[in-house]
Amino acid sequence: FSLTPLRFATWLGLLGGLAALGVLAYA
């Protein structure tokens, strides 16, 4: 009944990407 979990996975991917950019900037 809901597509929210799929959107949740998308947001997790975006947050993971932002975290990776932060680690790259720190390095």
mmCIF file of all heavy atoms, coordinates in Angstrom:
data_MODEL
# 
_entry.id   MODEL 
# 
loop_
_atom_site.group_PDB 
_atom_site.id 
_atom_site.type_symbol 
_atom_site.label_atom_id 
_atom_site.label_alt_id 
_atom_site.label_comp_id 
_atom_site.label_asym_id 
_atom_site.label_entity_id 
_atom_site.label_seq_id 
_atom_site.pdbx_PDB_ins_code 
_atom_site.Cartn_x 
_atom_site.Cartn_y 
_atom_site.Cartn_z 
_atom_site.occupancy 
_atom_site.B_iso_or_equiv 
_atom_site.pdbx_formal_charge 
_atom_site.auth_seq_id 
_atom_site.auth_comp_id 
_atom_site.auth_asym_id 
_atom_site.auth_atom_id 
_atom_site.pdbx_PDB_model_num 
ATOM 1   N N   . PHE A 1 1  ? 0.791  -1.229 0.000  1.00 0.00 ? 1  PHE A N   1 
ATOM 2   C CA  . PHE A 1 1  ? 0.000  0.000  0.000  1.00 0.00 ? 1  PHE A CA  1 
ATOM 3   C C   . PHE A 1 1  ? 0.825  1.283  0.000  1.00 0.00 ? 1  PHE A C   1 
ATOM 4   O O   . PHE A 1 1  ? 0.252  2.361  -0.024 1.00 0.00 ? 1  PHE A O   1 
ATOM 5   C CB  . PHE A 1 1  ? -0.922 0.018  1.230  1.00 0.00 ? 1  PHE A CB  1 
ATOM 6   C CG  . PHE A 1 1  ? -2.008 -1.001 1.177  1.00 0.00 ? 1  PHE A CG  1 
ATOM 7   C CD1 . PHE A 1 1  ? -1.844 -2.234 1.753  1.00 0.00 ? 1  PHE A CD1 1 
ATOM 8   C CD2 . PHE A 1 1  ? -3.204 -0.737 0.519  1.00 0.00 ? 1  PHE A CD2 1 
ATOM 9   C CE1 . PHE A 1 1  ? -2.837 -3.195 1.695  1.00 0.00 ? 1  PHE A CE1 1 
ATOM 10  C CE2 . PHE A 1 1  ? -4.197 -1.680 0.453  1.00 0.00 ? 1  PHE A CE2 1 
ATOM 11  C CZ  . PHE A 1 1  ? -4.019 -2.916 1.047  1.00 0.00 ? 1  PHE A CZ  1 
ATOM 12  N N   . SER A 1 2  ? 2.139  1.168  0.030  1.00 0.00 ? 2  SER A N   1 
ATOM 13  C CA  . SER A 1 2  ? 2.924  2.392  0.126  1.00 0.00 ? 2  SER A CA  1 
ATOM 14  C C   . SER A 1 2  ? 4.224  2.287  -0.661 1.00 0.00 ? 2  SER A C   1 
ATOM 15  O O   . SER A 1 2  ? 4.867  1.231  -0.696 1.00 0.00 ? 2  SER A O   1 
ATOM 16  C CB  . SER A 1 2  ? 3.249  2.687  1.599  1.00 0.00 ? 2  SER A CB  1 
ATOM 17  O OG  . SER A 1 2  ? 4.082  3.821  1.710  1.00 0.00 ? 2  SER A OG  1 
ATOM 18  N N   . LEU A 1 3  ? 4.607  3.401  -1.298 1.00 0.00 ? 3  LEU A N   1 
ATOM 19  C CA  . LEU A 1 3  ? 5.901  3.511  -1.964 1.00 0.00 ? 3  LEU A CA  1 
ATOM 20  C C   . LEU A 1 3  ? 6.918  4.225  -1.079 1.00 0.00 ? 3  LEU A C   1 
ATOM 21  O O   . LEU A 1 3  ? 8.056  4.449  -1.489 1.00 0.00 ? 3  LEU A O   1 
ATOM 22  C CB  . LEU A 1 3  ? 5.752  4.294  -3.279 1.00 0.00 ? 3  LEU A CB  1 
ATOM 23  C CG  . LEU A 1 3  ? 4.895  3.636  -4.367 1.00 0.00 ? 3  LEU A CG  1 
ATOM 24  C CD1 . LEU A 1 3  ? 4.793  4.557  -5.576 1.00 0.00 ? 3  LEU A CD1 1 
ATOM 25  C CD2 . LEU A 1 3  ? 5.462  2.292  -4.768 1.00 0.00 ? 3  LEU A CD2 1 
ATOM 26  N N   . THR A 1 4  ? 6.530  4.544  0.141  1.00 0.00 ? 4  THR A N   1 
ATOM 27  C CA  . THR A 1 4  ? 7.420  5.258  1.047  1.00 0.00 ? 4  THR A CA  1 
ATOM 28  C C   . THR A 1 4  ? 8.732  4.531  1.292  1.00 0.00 ? 4  THR A C   1 
ATOM 29  O O   . THR A 1 4  ? 9.799  5.161  1.317  1.00 0.00 ? 4  THR A O   1 
ATOM 30  C CB  . THR A 1 4  ? 6.710  5.541  2.380  1.00 0.00 ? 4  THR A CB  1 
ATOM 31  O OG1 . THR A 1 4  ? 5.540  6.319  2.128  1.00 0.00 ? 4  THR A OG1 1 
ATOM 32  C CG2 . THR A 1 4  ? 7.609  6.303  3.330  1.00 0.00 ? 4  THR A CG2 1 
ATOM 33  N N   . PRO A 1 5  ? 8.739  3.198  1.496  1.00 0.00 ? 5  PRO A N   1 
ATOM 34  C CA  . PRO A 1 5  ? 10.030 2.527  1.688  1.00 0.00 ? 5  PRO A CA  1 
ATOM 35  C C   . PRO A 1 5  ? 10.980 2.695  0.510  1.00 0.00 ? 5  PRO A C   1 
ATOM 36  O O   . PRO A 1 5  ? 12.193 2.809  0.701  1.00 0.00 ? 5  PRO A O   1 
ATOM 37  C CB  . PRO A 1 5  ? 9.633  1.048  1.874  1.00 0.00 ? 5  PRO A CB  1 
ATOM 38  C CG  . PRO A 1 5  ? 8.258  1.108  2.429  1.00 0.00 ? 5  PRO A CG  1 
ATOM 39  C CD  . PRO A 1 5  ? 7.621  2.275  1.739  1.00 0.00 ? 5  PRO A CD  1 
ATOM 40  N N   . LEU A 1 6  ? 10.454 2.711  -0.718 1.00 0.00 ? 6  LEU A N   1 
ATOM 41  C CA  . LEU A 1 6  ? 11.315 2.951  -1.875 1.00 0.00 ? 6  LEU A CA  1 
ATOM 42  C C   . LEU A 1 6  ? 11.899 4.360  -1.832 1.00 0.00 ? 6  LEU A C   1 
ATOM 43  O O   . LEU A 1 6  ? 13.083 4.570  -2.138 1.00 0.00 ? 6  LEU A O   1 
ATOM 44  C CB  . LEU A 1 6  ? 10.533 2.741  -3.170 1.00 0.00 ? 6  LEU A CB  1 
ATOM 45  C CG  . LEU A 1 6  ? 10.168 1.292  -3.522 1.00 0.00 ? 6  LEU A CG  1 
ATOM 46  C CD1 . LEU A 1 6  ? 9.309  1.264  -4.770 1.00 0.00 ? 6  LEU A CD1 1 
ATOM 47  C CD2 . LEU A 1 6  ? 11.421 0.462  -3.708 1.00 0.00 ? 6  LEU A CD2 1 
ATOM 48  N N   . ARG A 1 7  ? 11.072 5.316  -1.467 1.00 0.00 ? 7  ARG A N   1 
ATOM 49  C CA  . ARG A 1 7  ? 11.571 6.688  -1.346 1.00 0.00 ? 7  ARG A CA  1 
ATOM 50  C C   . ARG A 1 7  ? 12.582 6.788  -0.196 1.00 0.00 ? 7  ARG A C   1 
ATOM 51  O O   . ARG A 1 7  ? 13.549 7.555  -0.267 1.00 0.00 ? 7  ARG A O   1 
ATOM 52  C CB  . ARG A 1 7  ? 10.402 7.643  -1.115 1.00 0.00 ? 7  ARG A CB  1 
ATOM 53  C CG  . ARG A 1 7  ? 9.403  7.659  -2.276 1.00 0.00 ? 7  ARG A CG  1 
ATOM 54  C CD  . ARG A 1 7  ? 8.409  8.786  -2.127 1.00 0.00 ? 7  ARG A CD  1 
ATOM 55  N NE  . ARG A 1 7  ? 7.455  8.788  -3.237 1.00 0.00 ? 7  ARG A NE  1 
ATOM 56  C CZ  . ARG A 1 7  ? 6.211  8.336  -3.157 1.00 0.00 ? 7  ARG A CZ  1 
ATOM 57  N NH1 . ARG A 1 7  ? 5.761  7.848  -2.009 1.00 0.00 ? 7  ARG A NH1 1 
ATOM 58  N NH2 . ARG A 1 7  ? 5.420  8.359  -4.204 1.00 0.00 ? 7  ARG A NH2 1 
ATOM 59  N N   . PHE A 1 8  ? 12.353 5.998  0.850  1.00 0.00 ? 8  PHE A N   1 
ATOM 60  C CA  . PHE A 1 8  ? 13.286 5.969  1.972  1.00 0.00 ? 8  PHE A CA  1 
ATOM 61  C C   . PHE A 1 8  ? 14.648 5.472  1.505  1.00 0.00 ? 8  PHE A C   1 
ATOM 62  O O   . PHE A 1 8  ? 15.690 6.010  1.886  1.00 0.00 ? 8  PHE A O   1 
ATOM 63  C CB  . PHE A 1 8  ? 12.722 5.068  3.069  1.00 0.00 ? 8  PHE A CB  1 
ATOM 64  C CG  . PHE A 1 8  ? 13.623 4.906  4.253  1.00 0.00 ? 8  PHE A CG  1 
ATOM 65  C CD1 . PHE A 1 8  ? 13.929 5.990  5.069  1.00 0.00 ? 8  PHE A CD1 1 
ATOM 66  C CD2 . PHE A 1 8  ? 14.170 3.677  4.565  1.00 0.00 ? 8  PHE A CD2 1 
ATOM 67  C CE1 . PHE A 1 8  ? 14.757 5.843  6.165  1.00 0.00 ? 8  PHE A CE1 1 
ATOM 68  C CE2 . PHE A 1 8  ? 14.997 3.524  5.653  1.00 0.00 ? 8  PHE A CE2 1 
ATOM 69  C CZ  . PHE A 1 8  ? 15.299 4.610  6.458  1.00 0.00 ? 8  PHE A CZ  1 
ATOM 70  N N   . ALA A 1 9  ? 14.641 4.434  0.659  1.00 0.00 ? 9  ALA A N   1 
ATOM 71  C CA  . ALA A 1 9  ? 15.902 3.923  0.117  1.00 0.00 ? 9  ALA A CA  1 
ATOM 72  C C   . ALA A 1 9  ? 16.594 4.977  -0.739 1.00 0.00 ? 9  ALA A C   1 
ATOM 73  O O   . ALA A 1 9  ? 17.819 5.110  -0.714 1.00 0.00 ? 9  ALA A O   1 
ATOM 74  C CB  . ALA A 1 9  ? 15.635 2.659  -0.704 1.00 0.00 ? 9  ALA A CB  1 
ATOM 75  N N   . THR A 1 10 ? 15.809 5.738  -1.487 1.00 0.00 ? 10 THR A N   1 
ATOM 76  C CA  . THR A 1 10 ? 16.381 6.811  -2.307 1.00 0.00 ? 10 THR A CA  1 
ATOM 77  C C   . THR A 1 10 ? 17.044 7.869  -1.440 1.00 0.00 ? 10 THR A C   1 
ATOM 78  O O   . THR A 1 10 ? 18.162 8.329  -1.720 1.00 0.00 ? 10 THR A O   1 
ATOM 79  C CB  . THR A 1 10 ? 15.289 7.448  -3.176 1.00 0.00 ? 10 THR A CB  1 
ATOM 80  O OG1 . THR A 1 10 ? 14.697 6.450  -4.014 1.00 0.00 ? 10 THR A OG1 1 
ATOM 81  C CG2 . THR A 1 10 ? 15.872 8.547  -4.053 1.00 0.00 ? 10 THR A CG2 1 
ATOM 82  N N   . TRP A 1 11 ? 16.356 8.274  -0.374 1.00 0.00 ? 11 TRP A N   1 
ATOM 83  C CA  . TRP A 1 11 ? 16.926 9.274  0.531  1.00 0.00 ? 11 TRP A CA  1 
ATOM 84  C C   . TRP A 1 11 ? 18.177 8.749  1.233  1.00 0.00 ? 11 TRP A C   1 
ATOM 85  O O   . TRP A 1 11 ? 19.137 9.499  1.461  1.00 0.00 ? 11 TRP A O   1 
ATOM 86  C CB  . TRP A 1 11 ? 15.893 9.704  1.566  1.00 0.00 ? 11 TRP A CB  1 
ATOM 87  C CG  . TRP A 1 11 ? 14.882 10.658 1.012  1.00 0.00 ? 11 TRP A CG  1 
ATOM 88  C CD1 . TRP A 1 11 ? 13.579 10.425 0.720  1.00 0.00 ? 11 TRP A CD1 1 
ATOM 89  C CD2 . TRP A 1 11 ? 15.121 12.033 0.664  1.00 0.00 ? 11 TRP A CD2 1 
ATOM 90  N NE1 . TRP A 1 11 ? 12.977 11.542 0.208  1.00 0.00 ? 11 TRP A NE1 1 
ATOM 91  C CE2 . TRP A 1 11 ? 13.897 12.554 0.158  1.00 0.00 ? 11 TRP A CE2 1 
ATOM 92  C CE3 . TRP A 1 11 ? 16.237 12.873 0.712  1.00 0.00 ? 11 TRP A CE3 1 
ATOM 93  C CZ2 . TRP A 1 11 ? 13.775 13.868 -0.270 1.00 0.00 ? 11 TRP A CZ2 1 
ATOM 94  C CZ3 . TRP A 1 11 ? 16.104 14.186 0.274  1.00 0.00 ? 11 TRP A CZ3 1 
ATOM 95  C CH2 . TRP A 1 11 ? 14.891 14.671 -0.206 1.00 0.00 ? 11 TRP A CH2 1 
ATOM 96  N N   . LEU A 1 12 ? 18.178 7.456  1.580  1.00 0.00 ? 12 LEU A N   1 
ATOM 97  C CA  . LEU A 1 12 ? 19.381 6.882  2.171  1.00 0.00 ? 12 LEU A CA  1 
ATOM 98  C C   . LEU A 1 12 ? 20.551 6.960  1.196  1.00 0.00 ? 12 LEU A C   1 
ATOM 99  O O   . LEU A 1 12 ? 21.694 7.245  1.576  1.00 0.00 ? 12 LEU A O   1 
ATOM 100 C CB  . LEU A 1 12 ? 19.130 5.426  2.573  1.00 0.00 ? 12 LEU A CB  1 
ATOM 101 C CG  . LEU A 1 12 ? 18.337 5.182  3.856  1.00 0.00 ? 12 LEU A CG  1 
ATOM 102 C CD1 . LEU A 1 12 ? 18.154 3.687  4.073  1.00 0.00 ? 12 LEU A CD1 1 
ATOM 103 C CD2 . LEU A 1 12 ? 19.044 5.804  5.057  1.00 0.00 ? 12 LEU A CD2 1 
ATOM 104 N N   . GLY A 1 13 ? 20.274 6.685  -0.087 1.00 0.00 ? 13 GLY A N   1 
ATOM 105 C CA  . GLY A 1 13 ? 21.317 6.786  -1.097 1.00 0.00 ? 13 GLY A CA  1 
ATOM 106 C C   . GLY A 1 13 ? 21.851 8.200  -1.233 1.00 0.00 ? 13 GLY A C   1 
ATOM 107 O O   . GLY A 1 13 ? 23.061 8.419  -1.340 1.00 0.00 ? 13 GLY A O   1 
ATOM 108 N N   . LEU A 1 14 ? 20.931 9.188  -1.207 1.00 0.00 ? 14 LEU A N   1 
ATOM 109 C CA  . LEU A 1 14 ? 21.367 10.587 -1.283 1.00 0.00 ? 14 LEU A CA  1 
ATOM 110 C C   . LEU A 1 14 ? 22.196 10.987 -0.076 1.00 0.00 ? 14 LEU A C   1 
ATOM 111 O O   . LEU A 1 14 ? 23.232 11.660 -0.205 1.00 0.00 ? 14 LEU A O   1 
ATOM 112 C CB  . LEU A 1 14 ? 20.141 11.494 -1.415 1.00 0.00 ? 14 LEU A CB  1 
ATOM 113 C CG  . LEU A 1 14 ? 19.361 11.398 -2.731 1.00 0.00 ? 14 LEU A CG  1 
ATOM 114 C CD1 . LEU A 1 14 ? 18.111 12.266 -2.664 1.00 0.00 ? 14 LEU A CD1 1 
ATOM 115 C CD2 . LEU A 1 14 ? 20.244 11.826 -3.909 1.00 0.00 ? 14 LEU A CD2 1 
ATOM 116 N N   . LEU A 1 15 ? 21.757 10.567 1.107  1.00 0.00 ? 15 LEU A N   1 
ATOM 117 C CA  . LEU A 1 15 ? 22.522 10.892 2.320  1.00 0.00 ? 15 LEU A CA  1 
ATOM 118 C C   . LEU A 1 15 ? 23.885 10.224 2.297  1.00 0.00 ? 15 LEU A C   1 
ATOM 119 O O   . LEU A 1 15 ? 24.895 10.815 2.726  1.00 0.00 ? 15 LEU A O   1 
ATOM 120 C CB  . LEU A 1 15 ? 21.736 10.458 3.557  1.00 0.00 ? 15 LEU A CB  1 
ATOM 121 C CG  . LEU A 1 15 ? 20.464 11.254 3.862  1.00 0.00 ? 15 LEU A CG  1 
ATOM 122 C CD1 . LEU A 1 15 ? 19.726 10.657 5.065  1.00 0.00 ? 15 LEU A CD1 1 
ATOM 123 C CD2 . LEU A 1 15 ? 20.802 12.717 4.144  1.00 0.00 ? 15 LEU A CD2 1 
ATOM 124 N N   . GLY A 1 16 ? 23.917 8.965  1.799  1.00 0.00 ? 16 GLY A N   1 
ATOM 125 C CA  . GLY A 1 16 ? 25.207 8.286  1.677  1.00 0.00 ? 16 GLY A CA  1 
ATOM 126 C C   . GLY A 1 16 ? 26.140 9.011  0.718  1.00 0.00 ? 16 GLY A C   1 
ATOM 127 O O   . GLY A 1 16 ? 27.339 9.114  0.970  1.00 0.00 ? 16 GLY A O   1 
ATOM 128 N N   . GLY A 1 17 ? 25.574 9.516  -0.380 1.00 0.00 ? 17 GLY A N   1 
ATOM 129 C CA  . GLY A 1 17 ? 26.378 10.272 -1.329 1.00 0.00 ? 17 GLY A CA  1 
ATOM 130 C C   . GLY A 1 17 ? 26.928 11.549 -0.724 1.00 0.00 ? 17 GLY A C   1 
ATOM 131 O O   . GLY A 1 17 ? 28.093 11.901 -0.930 1.00 0.00 ? 17 GLY A O   1 
ATOM 132 N N   . LEU A 1 18 ? 26.088 12.251 0.042  1.00 0.00 ? 18 LEU A N   1 
ATOM 133 C CA  . LEU A 1 18 ? 26.553 13.478 0.712  1.00 0.00 ? 18 LEU A CA  1 
ATOM 134 C C   . LEU A 1 18 ? 27.642 13.171 1.732  1.00 0.00 ? 18 LEU A C   1 
ATOM 135 O O   . LEU A 1 18 ? 28.625 13.918 1.867  1.00 0.00 ? 18 LEU A O   1 
ATOM 136 C CB  . LEU A 1 18 ? 25.373 14.168 1.389  1.00 0.00 ? 18 LEU A CB  1 
ATOM 137 C CG  . LEU A 1 18 ? 24.318 14.769 0.459  1.00 0.00 ? 18 LEU A CG  1 
ATOM 138 C CD1 . LEU A 1 18 ? 23.149 15.322 1.271  1.00 0.00 ? 18 LEU A CD1 1 
ATOM 139 C CD2 . LEU A 1 18 ? 24.933 15.859 -0.410 1.00 0.00 ? 18 LEU A CD2 1 
ATOM 140 N N   . ALA A 1 19 ? 27.468 12.063 2.449  1.00 0.00 ? 19 ALA A N   1 
ATOM 141 C CA  . ALA A 1 19 ? 28.491 11.677 3.427  1.00 0.00 ? 19 ALA A CA  1 
ATOM 142 C C   . ALA A 1 19 ? 29.810 11.361 2.729  1.00 0.00 ? 19 ALA A C   1 
ATOM 143 O O   . ALA A 1 19 ? 30.893 11.723 3.211  1.00 0.00 ? 19 ALA A O   1 
ATOM 144 C CB  . ALA A 1 19 ? 28.009 10.476 4.234  1.00 0.00 ? 19 ALA A CB  1 
ATOM 145 N N   . ALA A 1 20 ? 29.723 10.693 1.572  1.00 0.00 ? 20 ALA A N   1 
ATOM 146 C CA  . ALA A 1 20 ? 30.947 10.384 0.827  1.00 0.00 ? 20 ALA A CA  1 
ATOM 147 C C   . ALA A 1 20 ? 31.638 11.653 0.348  1.00 0.00 ? 20 ALA A C   1 
ATOM 148 O O   . ALA A 1 20 ? 32.876 11.759 0.384  1.00 0.00 ? 20 ALA A O   1 
ATOM 149 C CB  . ALA A 1 20 ? 30.600 9.481  -0.362 1.00 0.00 ? 20 ALA A CB  1 
ATOM 150 N N   . LEU A 1 21 ? 30.841 12.640 -0.114 1.00 0.00 ? 21 LEU A N   1 
ATOM 151 C CA  . LEU A 1 21 ? 31.436 13.921 -0.523 1.00 0.00 ? 21 LEU A CA  1 
ATOM 152 C C   . LEU A 1 21 ? 32.102 14.615 0.658  1.00 0.00 ? 21 LEU A C   1 
ATOM 153 O O   . LEU A 1 21 ? 33.172 15.240 0.512  1.00 0.00 ? 21 LEU A O   1 
ATOM 154 C CB  . LEU A 1 21 ? 30.355 14.817 -1.126 1.00 0.00 ? 21 LEU A CB  1 
ATOM 155 C CG  . LEU A 1 21 ? 29.809 14.388 -2.497 1.00 0.00 ? 21 LEU A CG  1 
ATOM 156 C CD1 . LEU A 1 21 ? 28.666 15.316 -2.910 1.00 0.00 ? 21 LEU A CD1 1 
ATOM 157 C CD2 . LEU A 1 21 ? 30.919 14.410 -3.544 1.00 0.00 ? 21 LEU A CD2 1 
ATOM 158 N N   . GLY A 1 22 ? 31.479 14.513 1.834  1.00 0.00 ? 22 GLY A N   1 
ATOM 159 C CA  . GLY A 1 22 ? 32.078 15.126 3.019  1.00 0.00 ? 22 GLY A CA  1 
ATOM 160 C C   . GLY A 1 22 ? 33.403 14.491 3.378  1.00 0.00 ? 22 GLY A C   1 
ATOM 161 O O   . GLY A 1 22 ? 34.378 15.184 3.721  1.00 0.00 ? 22 GLY A O   1 
ATOM 162 N N   . VAL A 1 23 ? 33.458 13.156 3.284  1.00 0.00 ? 23 VAL A N   1 
ATOM 163 C CA  . VAL A 1 23 ? 34.715 12.462 3.567  1.00 0.00 ? 23 VAL A CA  1 
ATOM 164 C C   . VAL A 1 23 ? 35.780 12.840 2.539  1.00 0.00 ? 23 VAL A C   1 
ATOM 165 O O   . VAL A 1 23 ? 36.955 13.038 2.879  1.00 0.00 ? 23 VAL A O   1 
ATOM 166 C CB  . VAL A 1 23 ? 34.478 10.932 3.576  1.00 0.00 ? 23 VAL A CB  1 
ATOM 167 C CG1 . VAL A 1 23 ? 35.807 10.188 3.674  1.00 0.00 ? 23 VAL A CG1 1 
ATOM 168 C CG2 . VAL A 1 23 ? 33.574 10.552 4.727  1.00 0.00 ? 23 VAL A CG2 1 
ATOM 169 N N   . LEU A 1 24 ? 35.366 12.976 1.265  1.00 0.00 ? 24 LEU A N   1 
ATOM 170 C CA  . LEU A 1 24 ? 36.319 13.367 0.217  1.00 0.00 ? 24 LEU A CA  1 
ATOM 171 C C   . LEU A 1 24 ? 36.865 14.772 0.473  1.00 0.00 ? 24 LEU A C   1 
ATOM 172 O O   . LEU A 1 24 ? 38.077 15.010 0.352  1.00 0.00 ? 24 LEU A O   1 
ATOM 173 C CB  . LEU A 1 24 ? 35.636 13.305 -1.149 1.00 0.00 ? 24 LEU A CB  1 
ATOM 174 C CG  . LEU A 1 24 ? 36.471 13.767 -2.351 1.00 0.00 ? 24 LEU A CG  1 
ATOM 175 C CD1 . LEU A 1 24 ? 37.702 12.868 -2.499 1.00 0.00 ? 24 LEU A CD1 1 
ATOM 176 C CD2 . LEU A 1 24 ? 35.630 13.747 -3.629 1.00 0.00 ? 24 LEU A CD2 1 
ATOM 177 N N   . ALA A 1 25 ? 35.988 15.690 0.848  1.00 0.00 ? 25 ALA A N   1 
ATOM 178 C CA  . ALA A 1 25 ? 36.433 17.056 1.137  1.00 0.00 ? 25 ALA A CA  1 
ATOM 179 C C   . ALA A 1 25 ? 37.396 17.076 2.317  1.00 0.00 ? 25 ALA A C   1 
ATOM 180 O O   . ALA A 1 25 ? 38.410 17.795 2.314  1.00 0.00 ? 25 ALA A O   1 
ATOM 181 C CB  . ALA A 1 25 ? 35.217 17.940 1.427  1.00 0.00 ? 25 ALA A CB  1 
ATOM 182 N N   . TYR A 1 26 ? 37.068 16.275 3.335  1.00 0.00 ? 26 TYR A N   1 
ATOM 183 C CA  . TYR A 1 26 ? 37.952 16.203 4.511  1.00 0.00 ? 26 TYR A CA  1 
ATOM 184 C C   . TYR A 1 26 ? 39.323 15.674 4.120  1.00 0.00 ? 26 TYR A C   1 
ATOM 185 O O   . TYR A 1 26 ? 40.365 16.194 4.564  1.00 0.00 ? 26 TYR A O   1 
ATOM 186 C CB  . TYR A 1 26 ? 37.305 15.306 5.566  1.00 0.00 ? 26 TYR A CB  1 
ATOM 187 C CG  . TYR A 1 26 ? 38.205 15.014 6.742  1.00 0.00 ? 26 TYR A CG  1 
ATOM 188 C CD1 . TYR A 1 26 ? 38.449 15.987 7.718  1.00 0.00 ? 26 TYR A CD1 1 
ATOM 189 C CD2 . TYR A 1 26 ? 38.817 13.766 6.876  1.00 0.00 ? 26 TYR A CD2 1 
ATOM 190 C CE1 . TYR A 1 26 ? 39.282 15.722 8.792  1.00 0.00 ? 26 TYR A CE1 1 
ATOM 191 C CE2 . TYR A 1 26 ? 39.652 13.494 7.940  1.00 0.00 ? 26 TYR A CE2 1 
ATOM 192 C CZ  . TYR A 1 26 ? 39.883 14.471 8.900  1.00 0.00 ? 26 TYR A CZ  1 
ATOM 193 O OH  . TYR A 1 26 ? 40.704 14.208 9.962  1.00 0.00 ? 26 TYR A OH  1 
ATOM 194 N N   . ALA A 1 27 ? 39.349 14.656 3.252  1.00 0.00 ? 27 ALA A N   1 
ATOM 195 C CA  . ALA A 1 27 ? 40.621 14.072 2.843  1.00 0.00 ? 27 ALA A CA  1 
ATOM 196 C C   . ALA A 1 27 ? 41.461 15.077 2.043  1.00 0.00 ? 27 ALA A C   1 
ATOM 197 O O   . ALA A 1 27 ? 42.677 15.173 2.230  1.00 0.00 ? 27 ALA A O   1 
ATOM 198 C CB  . ALA A 1 27 ? 40.370 12.811 2.017  1.00 0.00 ? 27 ALA A CB  1 
# 
